[in-house]
Amino acid sequence: MIEFRIDRHSGVATYLQIVHQTEQALRMGMLQPGDKLPTTREVVEATAINPNTVLKAYRELERSGLVEAKRGVGTFVRRSLGSAVADSPLKAELDDWARRAMAAGLDRDDVAALFGNALEEHFSTAPKETS
């Protein structure tokens, strides 16, 4: 079962953090169609957030067709976002790179900045400037 982690200092709305973490779990194959998401009460107890925030996140996931709420039973995954990512040989390489980054003394924010920069450089939709 997925366990949500809320970063109150990230600047990202709490409900969006839940949506993004669910999407990531779907991409990584940690959640599969038919899996049940934690109840609103379970999320509230684990994260100390407002129940309406959880409901908003689950409604957003439902609108996108990823989950389905079954009244009185729970919220269930309807479809995956593909688990090929979890099985990719690139995952092992990235895990190794992250371990090396930690060993080199980089903290999480340093790694996030490096990785974010690489994403922007290689996956940007804007045309690159040439000098």
C-alpha atoms as a PDB file:
ATOM      1  CA  MET A   1       0.000   0.000   0.000  1.00  0.00           C
ATOM      2  CA  ILE A   2       1.187   3.510  -0.748  1.00  0.00           C
ATOM      3  CA  GLU A   3       2.224   5.769   2.127  1.00  0.00           C
ATOM      4  CA  PHE A   4       1.975   9.459   1.346  1.00  0.00           C
ATOM      5  CA  ARG A   5       4.707  11.819   2.523  1.00  0.00           C
ATOM      6  CA  ILE A   6       3.790  15.473   2.738  1.00  0.00           C
ATOM      7  CA  ASP A   7       6.496  18.113   2.418  1.00  0.00           C
ATOM      8  CA  ARG A   8       5.039  21.234   3.967  1.00  0.00           C
ATOM      9  CA  HIS A   9       7.991  23.320   2.736  1.00  0.00           C
ATOM     10  CA  SER A  10       7.898  22.291  -0.922  1.00  0.00           C
ATOM     11  CA  GLY A  11       5.538  25.012  -2.129  1.00  0.00           C
ATOM     12  CA  VAL A  12       3.436  22.333  -3.855  1.00  0.00           C
ATOM     13  CA  ALA A  13      -0.190  22.118  -2.741  1.00  0.00           C
ATOM     14  CA  THR A  14      -0.760  19.173  -0.427  1.00  0.00           C
ATOM     15  CA  TYR A  15      -3.463  17.617  -2.596  1.00  0.00           C
ATOM     16  CA  LEU A  16      -1.111  17.791  -5.602  1.00  0.00           C
ATOM     17  CA  GLN A  17       1.600  16.024  -3.617  1.00  0.00           C
ATOM     18  CA  ILE A  18      -0.851  13.146  -3.081  1.00  0.00           C
ATOM     19  CA  VAL A  19      -1.781  13.145  -6.776  1.00  0.00           C
ATOM     20  CA  HIS A  20       1.865  13.197  -7.887  1.00  0.00           C
ATOM     21  CA  GLN A  21       2.901  10.461  -5.450  1.00  0.00           C
ATOM     22  CA  THR A  22       0.024   8.282  -6.662  1.00  0.00           C
ATOM     23  CA  GLU A  23       0.992   8.860 -10.295  1.00  0.00           C
ATOM     24  CA  GLN A  24       4.603   8.007  -9.493  1.00  0.00           C
ATOM     25  CA  ALA A  25       3.540   4.801  -7.720  1.00  0.00           C
ATOM     26  CA  LEU A  26       1.511   3.881 -10.807  1.00  0.00           C
ATOM     27  CA  ARG A  27       4.483   4.541 -13.112  1.00  0.00           C
ATOM     28  CA  MET A  28       6.813   2.509 -10.903  1.00  0.00           C
ATOM     29  CA  GLY A  29       4.421  -0.429 -10.724  1.00  0.00           C
ATOM     30  CA  MET A  30       3.939  -0.026  -6.966  1.00  0.00           C
ATOM     31  CA  LEU A  31       0.194   0.338  -7.575  1.00  0.00           C
ATOM     32  CA  GLN A  32      -1.709  -1.879  -9.971  1.00  0.00           C
ATOM     33  CA  PRO A  33      -5.293  -1.849 -11.263  1.00  0.00           C
ATOM     34  CA  GLY A  34      -7.556  -3.161  -8.512  1.00  0.00           C
ATOM     35  CA  ASP A  35      -5.321  -1.980  -5.655  1.00  0.00           C
ATOM     36  CA  LYS A  36      -7.069  -0.035  -2.932  1.00  0.00           C
ATOM     37  CA  LEU A  37      -5.788   3.394  -1.929  1.00  0.00           C
ATOM     38  CA  PRO A  38      -5.604   4.217   1.774  1.00  0.00           C
ATOM     39  CA  THR A  39      -8.838   5.543   3.227  1.00  0.00           C
ATOM     40  CA  THR A  40      -9.171   9.230   3.904  1.00  0.00           C
ATOM     41  CA  ARG A  41      -8.965   8.489   7.618  1.00  0.00           C
ATOM     42  CA  GLU A  42      -5.738   6.500   7.195  1.00  0.00           C
ATOM     43  CA  VAL A  43      -4.122   9.315   5.208  1.00  0.00           C
ATOM     44  CA  VAL A  44      -5.254  11.933   7.736  1.00  0.00           C
ATOM     45  CA  GLU A  45      -3.879   9.897  10.648  1.00  0.00           C
ATOM     46  CA  ALA A  46      -0.552   9.312   8.909  1.00  0.00           C
ATOM     47  CA  THR A  47      -0.014  12.855   7.624  1.00  0.00           C
ATOM     48  CA  ALA A  48      -2.064  15.149   9.887  1.00  0.00           C
ATOM     49  CA  ILE A  49      -3.731  16.894   6.948  1.00  0.00           C
ATOM     50  CA  ASN A  50      -7.331  17.963   6.457  1.00  0.00           C
ATOM     51  CA  PRO A  51      -9.669  15.198   5.219  1.00  0.00           C
ATOM     52  CA  ASN A  52     -10.974  17.554   2.513  1.00  0.00           C
ATOM     53  CA  THR A  53      -7.454  17.726   1.085  1.00  0.00           C
ATOM     54  CA  VAL A  54      -7.361  13.952   0.677  1.00  0.00           C
ATOM     55  CA  LEU A  55     -10.822  13.960  -0.876  1.00  0.00           C
ATOM     56  CA  LYS A  56      -9.752  16.688  -3.320  1.00  0.00           C
ATOM     57  CA  ALA A  57      -6.710  14.633  -4.364  1.00  0.00           C
ATOM     58  CA  TYR A  58      -8.781  11.489  -4.821  1.00  0.00           C
ATOM     59  CA  ARG A  59     -11.375  13.421  -6.867  1.00  0.00           C
ATOM     60  CA  GLU A  60      -8.590  14.740  -9.092  1.00  0.00           C
ATOM     61  CA  LEU A  61      -7.277  11.200  -9.599  1.00  0.00           C
ATOM     62  CA  GLU A  62     -10.803  10.039 -10.349  1.00  0.00           C
ATOM     63  CA  ARG A  63     -11.325  12.839 -12.908  1.00  0.00           C
ATOM     64  CA  SER A  64      -8.172  11.732 -14.679  1.00  0.00           C
ATOM     65  CA  GLY A  65      -9.510   8.173 -14.836  1.00  0.00           C
ATOM     66  CA  LEU A  66      -6.770   6.669 -12.690  1.00  0.00           C
ATOM     67  CA  VAL A  67      -8.937   5.656  -9.736  1.00  0.00           C
ATOM     68  CA  GLU A  68     -12.548   4.838  -9.026  1.00  0.00           C
ATOM     69  CA  ALA A  69     -14.377   5.539  -5.783  1.00  0.00           C
ATOM     70  CA  LYS A  70     -16.792   2.814  -4.715  1.00  0.00           C
ATOM     71  CA  ARG A  71     -19.149   4.205  -2.124  1.00  0.00           C
ATOM     72  CA  GLY A  72     -18.754   2.476   1.225  1.00  0.00           C
ATOM     73  CA  VAL A  73     -15.924   0.265  -0.057  1.00  0.00           C
ATOM     74  CA  GLY A  74     -13.001   2.549  -0.915  1.00  0.00           C
ATOM     75  CA  THR A  75     -11.016   4.061  -3.751  1.00  0.00           C
ATOM     76  CA  PHE A  76      -9.422   1.661  -6.206  1.00  0.00           C
ATOM     77  CA  VAL A  77      -6.868   1.965  -8.998  1.00  0.00           C
ATOM     78  CA  ARG A  78      -8.574   1.716 -12.391  1.00  0.00           C
ATOM     79  CA  ARG A  79      -5.561   1.826 -14.680  1.00  0.00           C
ATOM     80  CA  SER A  80      -1.815   1.914 -14.615  1.00  0.00           C
ATOM     81  CA  LEU A  81       0.545   4.470 -16.058  1.00  0.00           C
ATOM     82  CA  GLY A  82       2.859   1.655 -17.129  1.00  0.00           C
ATOM     83  CA  SER A  83       5.292  -0.283 -14.996  1.00  0.00           C
ATOM     84  CA  ALA A  84       7.994  -0.591 -17.654  1.00  0.00           C
ATOM     85  CA  VAL A  85       9.883   2.135 -15.786  1.00  0.00           C
ATOM     86  CA  ALA A  86      10.301  -0.061 -12.701  1.00  0.00           C
ATOM     87  CA  ASP A  87      11.838  -2.843 -14.801  1.00  0.00           C
ATOM     88  CA  SER A  88      14.117  -0.580 -16.818  1.00  0.00           C
ATOM     89  CA  PRO A  89      17.882  -1.172 -16.573  1.00  0.00           C
ATOM     90  CA  LEU A  90      18.118   2.608 -16.269  1.00  0.00           C
ATOM     91  CA  LYS A  91      16.560   2.373 -12.801  1.00  0.00           C
ATOM     92  CA  ALA A  92      19.558   0.384 -11.546  1.00  0.00           C
ATOM     93  CA  GLU A  93      21.919   2.916 -13.096  1.00  0.00           C
ATOM     94  CA  LEU A  94      20.043   5.794 -11.495  1.00  0.00           C
ATOM     95  CA  ASP A  95      20.060   4.011  -8.111  1.00  0.00           C
ATOM     96  CA  ASP A  96      23.822   3.573  -8.435  1.00  0.00           C
ATOM     97  CA  TRP A  97      24.245   7.229  -9.410  1.00  0.00           C
ATOM     98  CA  ALA A  98      22.201   8.346  -6.378  1.00  0.00           C
ATOM     99  CA  ARG A  99      24.360   6.221  -4.061  1.00  0.00           C
ATOM    100  CA  ARG A 100      27.509   7.757  -5.576  1.00  0.00           C
ATOM    101  CA  ALA A 101      26.057  11.254  -5.184  1.00  0.00           C
ATOM    102  CA  MET A 102      25.381  10.585  -1.485  1.00  0.00           C
ATOM    103  CA  ALA A 103      28.888   9.170  -1.023  1.00  0.00           C
ATOM    104  CA  ALA A 104      30.272  12.332  -2.640  1.00  0.00           C
ATOM    105  CA  GLY A 105      28.540  14.392   0.046  1.00  0.00           C
ATOM    106  CA  LEU A 106      25.602  15.719  -1.967  1.00  0.00           C
ATOM    107  CA  ASP A 107      22.348  16.145  -0.088  1.00  0.00           C
ATOM    108  CA  ARG A 108      18.841  15.564  -1.407  1.00  0.00           C
ATOM    109  CA  ASP A 109      18.422  19.160  -2.585  1.00  0.00           C
ATOM    110  CA  ASP A 110      21.754  19.040  -4.440  1.00  0.00           C
ATOM    111  CA  VAL A 111      20.741  15.839  -6.201  1.00  0.00           C
ATOM    112  CA  ALA A 112      17.289  17.221  -7.003  1.00  0.00           C
ATOM    113  CA  ALA A 113      18.888  20.334  -8.512  1.00  0.00           C
ATOM    114  CA  LEU A 114      21.289  18.291 -10.649  1.00  0.00           C
ATOM    115  CA  PHE A 115      18.578  15.922 -11.813  1.00  0.00           C
ATOM    116  CA  GLY A 116      16.084  18.737 -12.419  1.00  0.00           C
ATOM    117  CA  ASN A 117      18.668  20.558 -14.504  1.00  0.00           C
ATOM    118  CA  ALA A 118      19.336  17.424 -16.558  1.00  0.00           C
ATOM    119  CA  LEU A 119      15.601  16.968 -17.118  1.00  0.00           C
ATOM    120  CA  GLU A 120      15.227  20.542 -18.292  1.00  0.00           C
ATOM    121  CA  GLU A 121      18.241  20.248 -20.564  1.00  0.00           C
ATOM    122  CA  HIS A 122      17.193  16.972 -22.203  1.00  0.00           C
ATOM    123  CA  PHE A 123      13.395  17.050 -22.025  1.00  0.00           C
ATOM    124  CA  SER A 124      12.610  20.706 -22.551  1.00  0.00           C
ATOM    125  CA  THR A 125       9.922  21.402 -25.145  1.00  0.00           C
ATOM    126  CA  ALA A 126      11.416  24.804 -25.973  1.00  0.00           C
ATOM    127  CA  PRO A 127      14.027  24.909 -28.721  1.00  0.00           C
ATOM    128  CA  LYS A 128      17.568  25.165 -27.398  1.00  0.00           C
ATOM    129  CA  GLU A 129      19.489  28.337 -28.030  1.00  0.00           C
ATOM    130  CA  THR A 130      22.703  28.045 -29.975  1.00  0.00           C
ATOM    131  CA  SER A 131      25.629  30.401 -29.596  1.00  0.00           C
END
